[in-house]
């Protein structure tokens, strides 16, 4: 995979994570009165964030090995 394609993939992942964070923030501040749903959404968001961070770390490792 070329450096440009890797960079583009990373940018897409980062933009997607940004959109997820925005939606989670909007849901937290929507004031719907559904605390349990908000808690569930926050937990799911955190799980997704952890998963994405692990994937990004794995990608970083793969990229680093390719560059050597």
N, C-alpha and C. Protein backbone atom coordinates (compact mmCIF):
# COMPACT_ATOMS: atom_id res chain seq x y z
N UNK A 1 0.86 -1.17 0.00
CA UNK A 1 0.00 0.00 0.00
C UNK A 1 0.90 1.23 0.00
N UNK A 2 0.61 2.17 -0.88
CA UNK A 2 1.46 3.35 -0.97
C UNK A 2 1.25 4.28 0.22
N UNK A 3 2.24 5.11 0.45
CA UNK A 3 2.16 6.07 1.56
C UNK A 3 0.93 6.96 1.40
N UNK A 4 0.64 7.37 0.18
CA UNK A 4 -0.50 8.25 -0.05
C UNK A 4 -1.81 7.55 0.31
N UNK A 5 -1.95 6.30 -0.07
CA UNK A 5 -3.17 5.55 0.24
C UNK A 5 -3.30 5.34 1.75
N UNK A 6 -2.19 5.09 2.40
CA UNK A 6 -2.20 4.92 3.86
C UNK A 6 -2.63 6.22 4.52
N UNK A 7 -2.06 7.33 4.08
CA UNK A 7 -2.42 8.63 4.65
C UNK A 7 -3.89 8.94 4.42
N UNK A 8 -4.40 8.62 3.24
CA UNK A 8 -5.81 8.87 2.95
C UNK A 8 -6.70 8.01 3.83
N UNK A 9 -6.32 6.76 4.03
CA UNK A 9 -7.10 5.88 4.90
C UNK A 9 -7.12 6.41 6.33
N UNK A 10 -5.98 6.86 6.81
CA UNK A 10 -5.91 7.41 8.17
C UNK A 10 -6.78 8.65 8.29
N UNK A 11 -6.76 9.50 7.28
CA UNK A 11 -7.59 10.71 7.30
C UNK A 11 -9.07 10.35 7.34
N UNK A 12 -9.48 9.34 6.56
CA UNK A 12 -10.89 8.92 6.56
C UNK A 12 -11.28 8.38 7.93
N UNK A 13 -10.42 7.61 8.55
CA UNK A 13 -10.69 7.07 9.88
C UNK A 13 -10.83 8.21 10.89
N UNK A 14 -9.93 9.17 10.83
CA UNK A 14 -9.98 10.29 11.77
C UNK A 14 -11.23 11.13 11.56
N UNK A 15 -11.63 11.35 10.31
CA UNK A 15 -12.87 12.11 10.05
C UNK A 15 -14.08 11.35 10.57
N UNK A 16 -14.09 10.03 10.38
CA UNK A 16 -15.21 9.22 10.87
C UNK A 16 -15.29 9.28 12.39
N UNK A 17 -14.15 9.19 13.05
CA UNK A 17 -14.13 9.28 14.51
C UNK A 17 -14.63 10.65 14.96
N UNK A 18 -14.26 11.69 14.24
CA UNK A 18 -14.75 13.04 14.56
C UNK A 18 -16.26 13.13 14.45
N UNK A 19 -16.81 12.52 13.39
CA UNK A 19 -18.27 12.53 13.23
C UNK A 19 -18.95 11.77 14.36
N UNK A 20 -18.36 10.65 14.74
CA UNK A 20 -18.92 9.87 15.85
C UNK A 20 -18.90 10.68 17.14
N UNK A 21 -17.79 11.34 17.40
CA UNK A 21 -17.68 12.15 18.61
C UNK A 21 -18.69 13.29 18.59
N UNK A 22 -18.89 13.91 17.44
CA UNK A 22 -19.86 14.99 17.32
C UNK A 22 -21.26 14.49 17.63
N UNK A 23 -21.63 13.36 17.05
CA UNK A 23 -22.96 12.82 17.29
C UNK A 23 -23.16 12.41 18.75
N UNK A 24 -22.11 11.87 19.36
CA UNK A 24 -22.20 11.50 20.78
C UNK A 24 -22.39 12.75 21.64
N UNK A 25 -21.66 13.81 21.31
CA UNK A 25 -21.79 15.05 22.07
C UNK A 25 -23.18 15.64 21.89
N UNK A 26 -23.70 15.62 20.67
CA UNK A 26 -25.05 16.11 20.42
C UNK A 26 -26.08 15.30 21.19
N UNK A 27 -25.90 14.00 21.23
CA UNK A 27 -26.84 13.14 21.95
C UNK A 27 -26.80 13.43 23.45
N UNK A 28 -25.58 13.68 23.98
CA UNK A 28 -25.47 13.98 25.41
C UNK A 28 -26.16 15.29 25.77
N UNK A 29 -26.14 16.24 24.86
CA UNK A 29 -26.69 17.56 25.14
C UNK A 29 -28.08 17.78 24.58
N UNK A 30 -28.70 16.73 24.09
CA UNK A 30 -30.01 16.89 23.47
C UNK A 30 -31.11 17.13 24.50
N UNK A 31 -30.87 16.71 25.75
CA UNK A 31 -31.86 16.95 26.80
C UNK A 31 -33.13 16.15 26.61
N UNK A 32 -33.01 14.95 26.09
CA UNK A 32 -34.20 14.14 25.85
C UNK A 32 -34.76 13.54 27.13
N UNK A 33 -33.98 13.57 28.20
CA UNK A 33 -34.47 13.01 29.46
C UNK A 33 -34.32 11.50 29.52
N UNK A 34 -33.60 10.94 28.61
CA UNK A 34 -33.42 9.49 28.58
C UNK A 34 -32.02 9.17 29.08
N UNK A 35 -31.84 9.29 30.39
CA UNK A 35 -30.52 9.10 30.99
C UNK A 35 -29.93 7.73 30.70
N UNK A 36 -30.77 6.69 30.78
CA UNK A 36 -30.23 5.34 30.55
C UNK A 36 -29.78 5.19 29.10
N UNK A 37 -30.53 5.78 28.16
CA UNK A 37 -30.12 5.73 26.76
C UNK A 37 -28.84 6.50 26.55
N UNK A 38 -28.72 7.64 27.22
CA UNK A 38 -27.50 8.44 27.12
C UNK A 38 -26.31 7.69 27.70
N UNK A 39 -26.52 7.02 28.82
CA UNK A 39 -25.45 6.24 29.43
C UNK A 39 -25.03 5.11 28.51
N UNK A 40 -26.01 4.46 27.91
CA UNK A 40 -25.74 3.37 26.98
C UNK A 40 -24.97 3.90 25.77
N UNK A 41 -25.38 5.03 25.24
CA UNK A 41 -24.71 5.62 24.10
C UNK A 41 -23.28 6.01 24.46
N UNK A 42 -23.09 6.58 25.63
CA UNK A 42 -21.75 6.97 26.06
C UNK A 42 -20.86 5.74 26.21
N UNK A 43 -21.39 4.66 26.74
CA UNK A 43 -20.62 3.42 26.90
C UNK A 43 -20.26 2.84 25.54
N UNK A 44 -21.22 2.84 24.62
CA UNK A 44 -20.95 2.34 23.27
C UNK A 44 -19.92 3.21 22.56
N UNK A 45 -20.02 4.52 22.76
CA UNK A 45 -19.06 5.43 22.16
C UNK A 45 -17.66 5.16 22.68
N UNK A 46 -17.55 4.97 23.98
CA UNK A 46 -16.24 4.71 24.58
C UNK A 46 -15.67 3.39 24.07
N UNK A 47 -16.52 2.38 23.94
CA UNK A 47 -16.07 1.09 23.42
C UNK A 47 -15.59 1.24 21.98
N UNK A 48 -16.33 2.00 21.19
CA UNK A 48 -15.93 2.23 19.80
C UNK A 48 -14.63 3.01 19.73
N UNK A 49 -14.50 4.02 20.57
CA UNK A 49 -13.27 4.82 20.61
C UNK A 49 -12.07 3.92 20.95
N UNK A 50 -12.22 3.06 21.92
CA UNK A 50 -11.15 2.15 22.32
C UNK A 50 -10.78 1.23 21.16
N UNK A 51 -11.79 0.72 20.48
CA UNK A 51 -11.56 -0.17 19.34
C UNK A 51 -10.83 0.56 18.21
N UNK A 52 -11.26 1.79 17.92
CA UNK A 52 -10.63 2.57 16.85
C UNK A 52 -9.19 2.90 17.23
N UNK A 53 -8.96 3.28 18.47
CA UNK A 53 -7.59 3.58 18.92
C UNK A 53 -6.69 2.36 18.78
N UNK A 54 -7.21 1.19 19.11
CA UNK A 54 -6.42 -0.04 18.97
C UNK A 54 -6.13 -0.31 17.50
N UNK A 55 -7.12 -0.10 16.65
CA UNK A 55 -6.92 -0.29 15.21
C UNK A 55 -5.90 0.68 14.65
N UNK A 56 -5.97 1.93 15.10
CA UNK A 56 -5.00 2.92 14.64
C UNK A 56 -3.59 2.57 15.10
N UNK A 57 -3.47 2.08 16.31
CA UNK A 57 -2.15 1.68 16.82
C UNK A 57 -1.61 0.51 16.00
N UNK A 58 -2.50 -0.42 15.65
CA UNK A 58 -2.08 -1.55 14.82
C UNK A 58 -1.64 -1.06 13.44
N UNK A 59 -2.41 -0.15 12.85
CA UNK A 59 -2.04 0.42 11.55
C UNK A 59 -0.70 1.15 11.63
N UNK A 60 -0.50 1.90 12.69
CA UNK A 60 0.78 2.59 12.88
C UNK A 60 1.94 1.60 12.90
N UNK A 61 1.75 0.50 13.60
CA UNK A 61 2.79 -0.53 13.67
C UNK A 61 3.06 -1.14 12.30
N UNK A 62 1.99 -1.41 11.56
CA UNK A 62 2.16 -1.98 10.22
C UNK A 62 2.87 -1.00 9.30
N UNK A 63 2.49 0.25 9.37
CA UNK A 63 3.12 1.28 8.54
C UNK A 63 4.59 1.41 8.89
N UNK A 64 4.88 1.38 10.18
CA UNK A 64 6.26 1.51 10.62
C UNK A 64 7.10 0.34 10.08
N UNK A 65 6.54 -0.87 10.11
CA UNK A 65 7.27 -2.04 9.60
C UNK A 65 7.46 -1.94 8.09
N UNK A 66 6.48 -1.41 7.37
CA UNK A 66 6.60 -1.24 5.93
C UNK A 66 7.70 -0.25 5.55
N UNK A 67 7.87 0.76 6.39
CA UNK A 67 8.86 1.80 6.11
C UNK A 67 10.29 1.33 6.36
N UNK A 68 10.47 0.24 7.07
CA UNK A 68 11.82 -0.23 7.38
C UNK A 68 12.42 -1.03 6.27
